[in-house]
């Protein structure tokens, strides 16, 4: 018996100037009625995703998207049947018109932190997880002592960073685990999450928010190295690495080098146009890395990035 192909669904995440997203409520008499969802619908025969998205948004909300970029593809299998859906999720930061529930559905603008997953279909949970990622991610430079690392962490916390990748390549696993635990304790109560950058097996021993794979480690992986309830990210520099991360179910990636850095020779940087061209070929949040300034955040967003990441960027 062959498994039926998943139902391909185009999903649009509309953003307004305040950074809020538009959600609509399913009719009570529909499947999973009463739950909130992101607008969109099934692709028609021979239709591509962007055409389907444009059609659905015009029919449901009376708006026309002007610019969109892929966020993530989510394959979800229903536990009570053999059916599955492929949610093809796109970010839409620019559109024409004022969204209205043209099919009688309630619509609301909501801030991302106020999106309770229990009020959405389970398949939408990963969308909310992606949207909840911060716009900025700091990466710690290698330092000679834990005191220096602790000072850097406090500086980053003071500058509003909420997600920090603890990168200390000079340490062996035992030292790294010790430093990570102490760093986690020093950040307690600050609202900051730490991501480890070593062996993913350390995750359960240090209560990290997630695991980041270097480009070389990414190539060695054959499956997602951690569970879905933690963040999995990877360093990428080309389309092959981006697609490998996507296939492994990464929650987000960094793509570098975008701008000129000391590490790379002149001409090796991607530039913003190539960054956008690569980011648009995968469906997962992409952070611009390499020679990035904090003032580049809007530029990264304009070119299809989810945000910015860096070592010196926030220091």
C-alpha atoms as a PDB file:
ATOM      1  CA  UNK A   1       0.000   0.000   0.000  1.00  0.00           C
ATOM      2  CA  UNK A   2       1.483   3.336  -1.039  1.00  0.00           C
ATOM      3  CA  UNK A   3       1.550   6.303   1.305  1.00  0.00           C
ATOM      4  CA  UNK A   4      -0.475   9.234  -0.073  1.00  0.00           C
ATOM      5  CA  UNK A   5       1.441  12.378  -0.954  1.00  0.00           C
ATOM      6  CA  UNK A   6       1.170  15.154   1.623  1.00  0.00           C
ATOM      7  CA  UNK A   7      -1.313  17.950   1.003  1.00  0.00           C
ATOM      8  CA  UNK A   8       0.770  20.955  -0.073  1.00  0.00           C
ATOM      9  CA  UNK A   9      -0.413  24.076   1.759  1.00  0.00           C
ATOM     10  CA  UNK A  10       0.862  27.635   1.211  1.00  0.00           C
ATOM     11  CA  UNK A  11       0.981  29.601   4.474  1.00  0.00           C
ATOM     12  CA  UNK A  12       1.529  33.349   4.751  1.00  0.00           C
ATOM     13  CA  UNK A  13       2.895  35.148   7.808  1.00  0.00           C
ATOM     14  CA  UNK A  14       1.954  38.787   7.341  1.00  0.00           C
ATOM     15  CA  UNK A  15       4.016  41.317   9.286  1.00  0.00           C
ATOM     16  CA  UNK A  16       2.976  44.896  10.042  1.00  0.00           C
ATOM     17  CA  UNK A  17       5.153  47.875  10.953  1.00  0.00           C
ATOM     18  CA  UNK A  18       4.876  47.021  14.653  1.00  0.00           C
ATOM     19  CA  UNK A  19       6.283  43.529  14.058  1.00  0.00           C
ATOM     20  CA  UNK A  20       2.919  41.896  14.725  1.00  0.00           C
ATOM     21  CA  UNK A  21       1.619  38.931  12.726  1.00  0.00           C
ATOM     22  CA  UNK A  22      -1.860  38.396  11.332  1.00  0.00           C
ATOM     23  CA  UNK A  23      -3.804  35.340  12.445  1.00  0.00           C
ATOM     24  CA  UNK A  24      -7.303  34.164  11.539  1.00  0.00           C
ATOM     25  CA  UNK A  25      -9.766  31.937  13.383  1.00  0.00           C
ATOM     26  CA  UNK A  26     -11.176  28.750  11.900  1.00  0.00           C
ATOM     27  CA  UNK A  27     -14.953  28.550  11.680  1.00  0.00           C
ATOM     28  CA  UNK A  28     -16.448  26.478  14.495  1.00  0.00           C
ATOM     29  CA  UNK A  29     -17.948  23.954  12.077  1.00  0.00           C
ATOM     30  CA  UNK A  30     -14.637  23.343  10.257  1.00  0.00           C
ATOM     31  CA  UNK A  31     -11.856  20.831  11.022  1.00  0.00           C
ATOM     32  CA  UNK A  32     -10.166  21.967  14.276  1.00  0.00           C
ATOM     33  CA  UNK A  33     -12.764  24.726  14.443  1.00  0.00           C
ATOM     34  CA  UNK A  34     -12.211  27.598  16.851  1.00  0.00           C
ATOM     35  CA  UNK A  35      -8.426  27.410  16.666  1.00  0.00           C
ATOM     36  CA  UNK A  36      -6.301  30.251  15.328  1.00  0.00           C
ATOM     37  CA  UNK A  37      -4.092  29.779  12.286  1.00  0.00           C
ATOM     38  CA  UNK A  38      -1.939  31.628   9.791  1.00  0.00           C
ATOM     39  CA  UNK A  39      -3.773  32.407   6.533  1.00  0.00           C
ATOM     40  CA  UNK A  40      -3.277  30.339   3.399  1.00  0.00           C
ATOM     41  CA  UNK A  41      -4.595  27.247   1.695  1.00  0.00           C
ATOM     42  CA  UNK A  42      -3.999  24.231  -0.536  1.00  0.00           C
ATOM     43  CA  UNK A  43      -2.218  24.516  -3.853  1.00  0.00           C
ATOM     44  CA  UNK A  44      -4.351  23.833  -6.896  1.00  0.00           C
ATOM     45  CA  UNK A  45      -3.183  21.427  -9.587  1.00  0.00           C
ATOM     46  CA  UNK A  46      -0.174  22.858 -11.450  1.00  0.00           C
ATOM     47  CA  UNK A  47       0.020  25.917  -9.194  1.00  0.00           C
ATOM     48  CA  UNK A  48       3.284  27.088  -7.637  1.00  0.00           C
ATOM     49  CA  UNK A  49       3.496  28.192  -4.019  1.00  0.00           C
ATOM     50  CA  UNK A  50       3.748  31.939  -4.561  1.00  0.00           C
ATOM     51  CA  UNK A  51       0.784  31.940  -6.958  1.00  0.00           C
ATOM     52  CA  UNK A  52      -1.245  29.925  -4.464  1.00  0.00           C
ATOM     53  CA  UNK A  53      -0.290  32.301  -1.677  1.00  0.00           C
ATOM     54  CA  UNK A  54      -1.300  35.346  -3.719  1.00  0.00           C
ATOM     55  CA  UNK A  55      -4.636  33.751  -4.655  1.00  0.00           C
ATOM     56  CA  UNK A  56      -5.467  32.613  -1.129  1.00  0.00           C
ATOM     57  CA  UNK A  57      -4.597  35.953   0.472  1.00  0.00           C
ATOM     58  CA  UNK A  58      -6.678  37.869  -2.069  1.00  0.00           C
ATOM     59  CA  UNK A  59      -9.642  35.521  -1.516  1.00  0.00           C
ATOM     60  CA  UNK A  60      -9.383  35.305   2.287  1.00  0.00           C
ATOM     61  CA  UNK A  61      -8.137  38.759   3.250  1.00  0.00           C
ATOM     62  CA  UNK A  62      -8.409  41.066   0.234  1.00  0.00           C
ATOM     63  CA  UNK A  63      -4.691  41.872   0.178  1.00  0.00           C
ATOM     64  CA  UNK A  64      -1.973  41.417  -2.436  1.00  0.00           C
ATOM     65  CA  UNK A  65       1.552  40.465  -1.288  1.00  0.00           C
ATOM     66  CA  UNK A  66       4.329  42.660  -2.700  1.00  0.00           C
ATOM     67  CA  UNK A  67       7.339  40.851  -1.261  1.00  0.00           C
ATOM     68  CA  UNK A  68       7.699  37.452   0.340  1.00  0.00           C
ATOM     69  CA  UNK A  69      10.522  35.147   1.363  1.00  0.00           C
ATOM     70  CA  UNK A  70      10.475  31.473   2.468  1.00  0.00           C
ATOM     71  CA  UNK A  71      10.505  30.818   6.207  1.00  0.00           C
ATOM     72  CA  UNK A  72      10.266  27.044   6.614  1.00  0.00           C
ATOM     73  CA  UNK A  73       8.750  23.868   5.165  1.00  0.00           C
ATOM     74  CA  UNK A  74       7.014  21.752   7.807  1.00  0.00           C
ATOM     75  CA  UNK A  75       5.877  18.190   7.134  1.00  0.00           C
ATOM     76  CA  UNK A  76       3.225  17.074   9.603  1.00  0.00           C
ATOM     77  CA  UNK A  77       1.588  13.630   9.849  1.00  0.00           C
ATOM     78  CA  UNK A  78      -1.828  13.344  11.480  1.00  0.00           C
ATOM     79  CA  UNK A  79      -1.776  10.663  14.190  1.00  0.00           C
ATOM     80  CA  UNK A  80      -5.392   9.643  13.603  1.00  0.00           C
ATOM     81  CA  UNK A  81      -5.120   8.976   9.838  1.00  0.00           C
ATOM     82  CA  UNK A  82      -2.668   8.342   7.027  1.00  0.00           C
ATOM     83  CA  UNK A  83      -2.925  11.959   5.899  1.00  0.00           C
ATOM     84  CA  UNK A  84      -0.088  14.458   6.099  1.00  0.00           C
ATOM     85  CA  UNK A  85       0.400  18.106   5.180  1.00  0.00           C
ATOM     86  CA  UNK A  86       3.391  20.038   3.925  1.00  0.00           C
ATOM     87  CA  UNK A  87       3.155  23.574   5.265  1.00  0.00           C
ATOM     88  CA  UNK A  88       5.127  25.845   2.931  1.00  0.00           C
ATOM     89  CA  UNK A  89       5.514  28.935   5.111  1.00  0.00           C
ATOM     90  CA  UNK A  90       6.439  32.366   3.735  1.00  0.00           C
ATOM     91  CA  UNK A  91       7.092  35.702   5.434  1.00  0.00           C
ATOM     92  CA  UNK A  92       5.216  38.641   3.859  1.00  0.00           C
ATOM     93  CA  UNK A  93       6.525  41.999   5.131  1.00  0.00           C
ATOM     94  CA  UNK A  94       4.952  44.116   2.361  1.00  0.00           C
ATOM     95  CA  UNK A  95       1.463  43.955   0.888  1.00  0.00           C
ATOM     96  CA  UNK A  96      -1.270  46.141  -0.594  1.00  0.00           C
ATOM     97  CA  UNK A  97      -4.588  46.531   1.176  1.00  0.00           C
ATOM     98  CA  UNK A  98      -6.011  46.256   4.682  1.00  0.00           C
ATOM     99  CA  UNK A  99      -6.591  42.615   5.725  1.00  0.00           C
ATOM    100  CA  UNK A 100     -10.242  41.742   6.375  1.00  0.00           C
ATOM    101  CA  UNK A 101     -11.953  38.400   7.011  1.00  0.00           C
ATOM    102  CA  UNK A 102     -13.696  38.140   3.656  1.00  0.00           C
ATOM    103  CA  UNK A 103     -14.935  34.618   4.413  1.00  0.00           C
ATOM    104  CA  UNK A 104     -16.501  35.620   7.718  1.00  0.00           C
ATOM    105  CA  UNK A 105     -13.489  34.576   9.779  1.00  0.00           C
ATOM    106  CA  UNK A 106     -12.172  36.644  12.684  1.00  0.00           C
ATOM    107  CA  UNK A 107      -8.717  38.160  12.067  1.00  0.00           C
ATOM    108  CA  UNK A 108      -6.343  39.807  14.539  1.00  0.00           C
ATOM    109  CA  UNK A 109      -2.883  41.329  14.655  1.00  0.00           C
ATOM    110  CA  UNK A 110      -0.903  39.749  17.495  1.00  0.00           C
ATOM    111  CA  UNK A 111       2.575  40.261  18.871  1.00  0.00           C
ATOM    112  CA  UNK A 112       4.651  37.095  18.511  1.00  0.00           C
ATOM    113  CA  UNK A 113       5.169  36.514  22.275  1.00  0.00           C
ATOM    114  CA  UNK A 114       1.370  36.412  22.734  1.00  0.00           C
ATOM    115  CA  UNK A 115       0.839  33.478  20.356  1.00  0.00           C
ATOM    116  CA  UNK A 116      -0.096  30.525  22.619  1.00  0.00           C
ATOM    117  CA  UNK A 117       0.623  27.267  20.799  1.00  0.00           C
ATOM    118  CA  UNK A 118      -2.309  25.521  22.486  1.00  0.00           C
ATOM    119  CA  UNK A 119      -4.719  27.802  20.573  1.00  0.00           C
ATOM    120  CA  UNK A 120      -3.268  26.745  17.202  1.00  0.00           C
ATOM    121  CA  UNK A 121      -3.279  23.440  15.311  1.00  0.00           C
ATOM    122  CA  UNK A 122      -0.292  21.333  16.385  1.00  0.00           C
ATOM    123  CA  UNK A 123       1.271  21.661  12.926  1.00  0.00           C
ATOM    124  CA  UNK A 124       1.515  25.435  13.477  1.00  0.00           C
ATOM    125  CA  UNK A 125       3.732  25.012  16.523  1.00  0.00           C
ATOM    126  CA  UNK A 126       6.953  25.017  14.499  1.00  0.00           C
ATOM    127  CA  UNK A 127       5.886  28.222  12.757  1.00  0.00           C
ATOM    128  CA  UNK A 128       5.505  29.944  16.110  1.00  0.00           C
ATOM    129  CA  UNK A 129       8.869  28.490  17.190  1.00  0.00           C
ATOM    130  CA  UNK A 130      10.542  30.064  14.134  1.00  0.00           C
ATOM    131  CA  UNK A 131       8.809  33.399  14.615  1.00  0.00           C
ATOM    132  CA  UNK A 132       9.878  33.453  18.267  1.00  0.00           C
ATOM    133  CA  UNK A 133      13.560  33.459  17.326  1.00  0.00           C
ATOM    134  CA  UNK A 134      15.252  36.778  18.154  1.00  0.00           C
ATOM    135  CA  UNK A 135      16.507  39.137  15.459  1.00  0.00           C
ATOM    136  CA  UNK A 136      20.009  39.143  16.962  1.00  0.00           C
ATOM    137  CA  UNK A 137      22.274  36.290  18.054  1.00  0.00           C
ATOM    138  CA  UNK A 138      25.614  36.891  19.720  1.00  0.00           C
ATOM    139  CA  UNK A 139      28.560  34.494  19.449  1.00  0.00           C
ATOM    140  CA  UNK A 140      31.252  34.660  22.102  1.00  0.00           C
ATOM    141  CA  UNK A 141      34.891  34.995  21.014  1.00  0.00           C
ATOM    142  CA  UNK A 142      37.499  32.630  22.431  1.00  0.00           C
ATOM    143  CA  UNK A 143      38.843  34.044  25.686  1.00  0.00           C
ATOM    144  CA  UNK A 144      41.633  33.111  28.078  1.00  0.00           C
ATOM    145  CA  UNK A 145      39.637  32.882  31.313  1.00  0.00           C
ATOM    146  CA  UNK A 146      36.119  32.311  32.580  1.00  0.00           C
ATOM    147  CA  UNK A 147      36.190  35.713  34.281  1.00  0.00           C
ATOM    148  CA  UNK A 148      36.678  37.323  30.877  1.00  0.00           C
ATOM    149  CA  UNK A 149      33.824  35.251  29.444  1.00  0.00           C
ATOM    150  CA  UNK A 150      31.559  36.249  32.307  1.00  0.00           C
ATOM    151  CA  UNK A 151      32.338  39.929  31.688  1.00  0.00           C
ATOM    152  CA  UNK A 152      31.482  39.535  28.007  1.00  0.00           C
ATOM    153  CA  UNK A 153      28.204  37.817  28.844  1.00  0.00           C
ATOM    154  CA  UNK A 154      27.195  40.623  31.181  1.00  0.00           C
ATOM    155  CA  UNK A 155      28.067  43.156  28.479  1.00  0.00           C
ATOM    156  CA  UNK A 156      25.918  41.320  25.935  1.00  0.00           C
ATOM    157  CA  UNK A 157      23.046  41.013  28.393  1.00  0.00           C
ATOM    158  CA  UNK A 158      23.273  44.748  29.054  1.00  0.00           C
ATOM    159  CA  UNK A 159      23.006  45.388  25.329  1.00  0.00           C
ATOM    160  CA  UNK A 160      19.762  43.474  25.063  1.00  0.00           C
ATOM    161  CA  UNK A 161      20.896  40.132  23.573  1.00  0.00           C
ATOM    162  CA  UNK A 162      18.562  37.238  24.382  1.00  0.00           C
ATOM    163  CA  UNK A 163      20.245  34.328  22.600  1.00  0.00           C
ATOM    164  CA  UNK A 164      23.985  33.707  22.866  1.00  0.00           C
ATOM    165  CA  UNK A 165      26.044  30.940  21.290  1.00  0.00           C
ATOM    166  CA  UNK A 166      28.821  29.965  23.693  1.00  0.00           C
ATOM    167  CA  UNK A 167      31.749  29.379  21.340  1.00  0.00           C
ATOM    168  CA  UNK A 168      35.031  28.504  23.056  1.00  0.00           C
ATOM    169  CA  UNK A 169      37.035  26.416  20.597  1.00  0.00           C
ATOM    170  CA  UNK A 170      40.132  26.383  22.812  1.00  0.00           C
ATOM    171  CA  UNK A 171      38.480  24.194  25.465  1.00  0.00           C
ATOM    172  CA  UNK A 172      38.219  20.413  25.635  1.00  0.00           C
ATOM    173  CA  UNK A 173      34.815  18.849  26.377  1.00  0.00           C
ATOM    174  CA  UNK A 174      35.262  18.729  30.159  1.00  0.00           C
ATOM    175  CA  UNK A 175      36.418  22.357  30.389  1.00  0.00           C
ATOM    176  CA  UNK A 176      33.702  23.490  28.021  1.00  0.00           C
ATOM    177  CA  UNK A 177      31.005  21.756  30.071  1.00  0.00           C
ATOM    178  CA  UNK A 178      32.295  23.395  33.253  1.00  0.00           C
ATOM    179  CA  UNK A 179      32.383  26.858  31.670  1.00  0.00           C
ATOM    180  CA  UNK A 180      28.946  26.398  30.129  1.00  0.00           C
ATOM    181  CA  UNK A 181      27.348  25.448  33.438  1.00  0.00           C
ATOM    182  CA  UNK A 182      28.963  28.407  35.183  1.00  0.00           C
ATOM    183  CA  UNK A 183      27.942  30.727  32.355  1.00  0.00           C
ATOM    184  CA  UNK A 184      24.365  29.460  32.544  1.00  0.00           C
ATOM    185  CA  UNK A 185      24.310  30.145  36.275  1.00  0.00           C
ATOM    186  CA  UNK A 186      25.664  33.663  35.788  1.00  0.00           C
ATOM    187  CA  UNK A 187      22.901  34.386  33.237  1.00  0.00           C
ATOM    188  CA  UNK A 188      20.110  33.058  35.444  1.00  0.00           C
ATOM    189  CA  UNK A 189      17.243  35.500  35.794  1.00  0.00           C
ATOM    190  CA  UNK A 190      18.381  37.610  32.837  1.00  0.00           C
ATOM    191  CA  UNK A 191      16.045  36.083  30.253  1.00  0.00           C
ATOM    192  CA  UNK A 192      19.030  34.996  28.159  1.00  0.00           C
ATOM    193  CA  UNK A 193      19.303  31.552  26.561  1.00  0.00           C
ATOM    194  CA  UNK A 194      22.647  29.903  25.825  1.00  0.00           C
ATOM    195  CA  UNK A 195      23.376  27.591  22.895  1.00  0.00           C
ATOM    196  CA  UNK A 196      26.269  25.150  23.133  1.00  0.00           C
ATOM    197  CA  UNK A 197      28.862  24.813  20.404  1.00  0.00           C
ATOM    198  CA  UNK A 198      30.518  21.454  20.963  1.00  0.00           C
ATOM    199  CA  UNK A 199      29.343  17.855  21.216  1.00  0.00           C
ATOM    200  CA  UNK A 200      25.504  17.723  21.078  1.00  0.00           C
ATOM    201  CA  UNK A 201      25.664  14.896  23.640  1.00  0.00           C
ATOM    202  CA  UNK A 202      26.489  17.590  26.227  1.00  0.00           C
ATOM    203  CA  UNK A 203      23.039  19.145  25.821  1.00  0.00           C
ATOM    204  CA  UNK A 204      21.331  17.062  28.503  1.00  0.00           C
ATOM    205  CA  UNK A 205      24.180  17.655  30.934  1.00  0.00           C
ATOM    206  CA  UNK A 206      24.138  21.450  30.814  1.00  0.00           C
ATOM    207  CA  UNK A 207      20.506  22.503  30.224  1.00  0.00           C
ATOM    208  CA  UNK A 208      21.369  24.424  27.071  1.00  0.00           C
ATOM    209  CA  UNK A 209      18.675  26.021  24.918  1.00  0.00           C
ATOM    210  CA  UNK A 210      20.083  24.247  21.896  1.00  0.00           C
ATOM    211  CA  UNK A 211      23.063  23.099  19.875  1.00  0.00           C
ATOM    212  CA  UNK A 212      24.967  24.817  17.067  1.00  0.00           C
ATOM    213  CA  UNK A 213      26.887  22.736  14.515  1.00  0.00           C
ATOM    214  CA  UNK A 214      29.948  24.074  12.752  1.00  0.00           C
ATOM    215  CA  UNK A 215      30.043  23.592   8.987  1.00  0.00           C
ATOM    216  CA  UNK A 216      32.405  20.634   9.351  1.00  0.00           C
ATOM    217  CA  UNK A 217      30.246  18.950  11.990  1.00  0.00           C
ATOM    218  CA  UNK A 218      27.162  19.615   9.859  1.00  0.00           C
ATOM    219  CA  UNK A 219      28.641  17.509   7.065  1.00  0.00           C
ATOM    220  CA  UNK A 220      29.149  14.590   9.476  1.00  0.00           C
ATOM    221  CA  UNK A 221      25.525  14.538  10.659  1.00  0.00           C
ATOM    222  CA  UNK A 222      23.024  12.103   9.175  1.00  0.00           C
ATOM    223  CA  UNK A 223      20.017  13.139  11.260  1.00  0.00           C
ATOM    224  CA  UNK A 224      18.888  15.921  13.559  1.00  0.00           C
ATOM    225  CA  UNK A 225      21.246  15.573  16.546  1.00  0.00           C
ATOM    226  CA  UNK A 226      18.863  16.833  19.251  1.00  0.00           C
ATOM    227  CA  UNK A 227      15.157  16.653  20.038  1.00  0.00           C
ATOM    228  CA  UNK A 228      12.551  19.017  18.601  1.00  0.00           C
ATOM    229  CA  UNK A 229      12.050  20.843  21.900  1.00  0.00           C
ATOM    230  CA  UNK A 230      15.562  22.369  21.720  1.00  0.00           C
ATOM    231  CA  UNK A 231      17.048  24.656  19.074  1.00  0.00           C
ATOM    232  CA  UNK A 232      19.310  23.197  16.389  1.00  0.00           C
ATOM    233  CA  UNK A 233      21.335  25.613  14.270  1.00  0.00           C
ATOM    234  CA  UNK A 234      24.285  25.347  11.885  1.00  0.00           C
ATOM    235  CA  UNK A 235      26.974  27.430  10.192  1.00  0.00           C
ATOM    236  CA  UNK A 236      26.631  27.585   6.412  1.00  0.00           C
ATOM    237  CA  UNK A 237      28.641  29.195   3.622  1.00  0.00           C
ATOM    238  CA  UNK A 238      27.056  27.874   0.434  1.00  0.00           C
ATOM    239  CA  UNK A 239      23.912  26.317  -0.999  1.00  0.00           C
ATOM    240  CA  UNK A 240      25.054  22.727  -0.345  1.00  0.00           C
ATOM    241  CA  UNK A 241      25.446  23.408   3.375  1.00  0.00           C
ATOM    242  CA  UNK A 242      22.152  25.313   3.538  1.00  0.00           C
ATOM    243  CA  UNK A 243      20.283  22.395   1.968  1.00  0.00           C
ATOM    244  CA  UNK A 244      21.994  19.902   4.282  1.00  0.00           C
ATOM    245  CA  UNK A 245      20.886  21.921   7.304  1.00  0.00           C
ATOM    246  CA  UNK A 246      17.362  22.146   5.909  1.00  0.00           C
ATOM    247  CA  UNK A 247      17.220  18.386   5.296  1.00  0.00           C
ATOM    248  CA  UNK A 248      18.326  17.711   8.888  1.00  0.00           C
ATOM    249  CA  UNK A 249      15.525  19.894  10.265  1.00  0.00           C
ATOM    250  CA  UNK A 250      17.620  22.819  11.505  1.00  0.00           C
ATOM    251  CA  UNK A 251      15.598  25.522  13.246  1.00  0.00           C
ATOM    252  CA  UNK A 252      17.849  28.250  11.828  1.00  0.00           C
ATOM    253  CA  UNK A 253      21.266  28.786  10.249  1.00  0.00           C
ATOM    254  CA  UNK A 254      23.905  31.467   9.912  1.00  0.00           C
ATOM    255  CA  UNK A 255      25.179  32.279   6.416  1.00  0.00           C
ATOM    256  CA  UNK A 256      28.610  33.858   6.022  1.00  0.00           C
ATOM    257  CA  UNK A 257      30.640  35.792   5.194  1.00  0.00           C
ATOM    258  CA  UNK A 258      28.233  38.485   4.030  1.00  0.00           C
ATOM    259  CA  UNK A 259      30.625  41.433   4.363  1.00  0.00           C
ATOM    260  CA  UNK A 260      34.390  41.854   4.471  1.00  0.00           C
ATOM    261  CA  UNK A 261      36.129  40.303   7.504  1.00  0.00           C
ATOM    262  CA  UNK A 262      39.699  39.658   8.599  1.00  0.00           C
ATOM    263  CA  UNK A 263      39.136  35.902   8.346  1.00  0.00           C
ATOM    264  CA  UNK A 264      38.334  35.937   4.616  1.00  0.00           C
ATOM    265  CA  UNK A 265      40.257  37.421   1.702  1.00  0.00           C
ATOM    266  CA  UNK A 266      38.911  40.273  -0.403  1.00  0.00           C
ATOM    267  CA  UNK A 267      36.329  38.958  -2.849  1.00  0.00           C
ATOM    268  CA  UNK A 268      35.303  35.962  -0.741  1.00  0.00           C
ATOM    269  CA  UNK A 269      32.395  37.777   0.891  1.00  0.00           C
ATOM    270  CA  UNK A 270      28.910  37.010  -0.426  1.00  0.00           C
ATOM    271  CA  UNK A 271      27.511  40.528  -0.470  1.00  0.00           C
ATOM    272  CA  UNK A 272      23.837  41.212   0.222  1.00  0.00           C
ATOM    273  CA  UNK A 273      22.512  40.225  -3.201  1.00  0.00           C
ATOM    274  CA  UNK A 274      24.098  36.764  -3.105  1.00  0.00           C
ATOM    275  CA  UNK A 275      23.065  36.377   0.526  1.00  0.00           C
ATOM    276  CA  UNK A 276      19.455  36.952  -0.531  1.00  0.00           C
ATOM    277  CA  UNK A 277      19.730  34.616  -3.526  1.00  0.00           C
ATOM    278  CA  UNK A 278      20.989  31.794  -1.290  1.00  0.00           C
ATOM    279  CA  UNK A 279      18.586  32.467   1.580  1.00  0.00           C
ATOM    280  CA  UNK A 280      15.632  32.360  -0.812  1.00  0.00           C
ATOM    281  CA  UNK A 281      16.539  28.814  -1.903  1.00  0.00           C
ATOM    282  CA  UNK A 282      15.867  27.228   1.482  1.00  0.00           C
ATOM    283  CA  UNK A 283      12.913  27.297   3.833  1.00  0.00           C
ATOM    284  CA  UNK A 284      14.388  28.087   7.220  1.00  0.00           C
ATOM    285  CA  UNK A 285      15.403  31.265   9.061  1.00  0.00           C
ATOM    286  CA  UNK A 286      18.806  32.547   7.875  1.00  0.00           C
ATOM    287  CA  UNK A 287      20.964  34.931   9.923  1.00  0.00           C
ATOM    288  CA  UNK A 288      23.526  37.169   8.231  1.00  0.00           C
ATOM    289  CA  UNK A 289      27.030  36.647   9.674  1.00  0.00           C
ATOM    290  CA  UNK A 290      30.487  37.972   8.862  1.00  0.00           C
ATOM    291  CA  UNK A 291      31.481  41.630   8.963  1.00  0.00           C
ATOM    292  CA  UNK A 292      27.994  42.545  10.174  1.00  0.00           C
ATOM    293  CA  UNK A 293      27.268  45.703  12.150  1.00  0.00           C
ATOM    294  CA  UNK A 294      24.296  46.042  14.460  1.00  0.00           C
ATOM    295  CA  UNK A 295      22.926  48.724  12.157  1.00  0.00           C
ATOM    296  CA  UNK A 296      22.708  46.085   9.381  1.00  0.00           C
ATOM    297  CA  UNK A 297      19.649  44.451  10.958  1.00  0.00           C
ATOM    298  CA  UNK A 298      17.123  46.151   8.651  1.00  0.00           C
ATOM    299  CA  UNK A 299      19.341  45.458   5.625  1.00  0.00           C
ATOM    300  CA  UNK A 300      19.430  41.763   6.495  1.00  0.00           C
ATOM    301  CA  UNK A 301      15.647  41.676   6.830  1.00  0.00           C
ATOM    302  CA  UNK A 302      15.204  43.464   3.499  1.00  0.00           C
ATOM    303  CA  UNK A 303      17.377  40.820   1.823  1.00  0.00           C
ATOM    304  CA  UNK A 304      15.380  37.864   3.149  1.00  0.00           C
ATOM    305  CA  UNK A 305      17.308  37.265   6.370  1.00  0.00           C
ATOM    306  CA  UNK A 306      15.647  36.557   9.688  1.00  0.00           C
ATOM    307  CA  UNK A 307      18.230  38.641  11.521  1.00  0.00           C
ATOM    308  CA  UNK A 308      21.921  39.104  12.215  1.00  0.00           C
ATOM    309  CA  UNK A 309      24.578  37.190  14.153  1.00  0.00           C
ATOM    310  CA  UNK A 310      28.143  37.983  15.032  1.00  0.00           C
ATOM    311  CA  UNK A 311      31.111  37.800  17.341  1.00  0.00           C
ATOM    312  CA  UNK A 312      32.304  41.414  17.266  1.00  0.00           C
ATOM    313  CA  UNK A 313      28.944  42.774  16.098  1.00  0.00           C
ATOM    314  CA  UNK A 314      27.595  43.454  19.587  1.00  0.00           C
ATOM    315  CA  UNK A 315      30.888  44.178  21.342  1.00  0.00           C
END
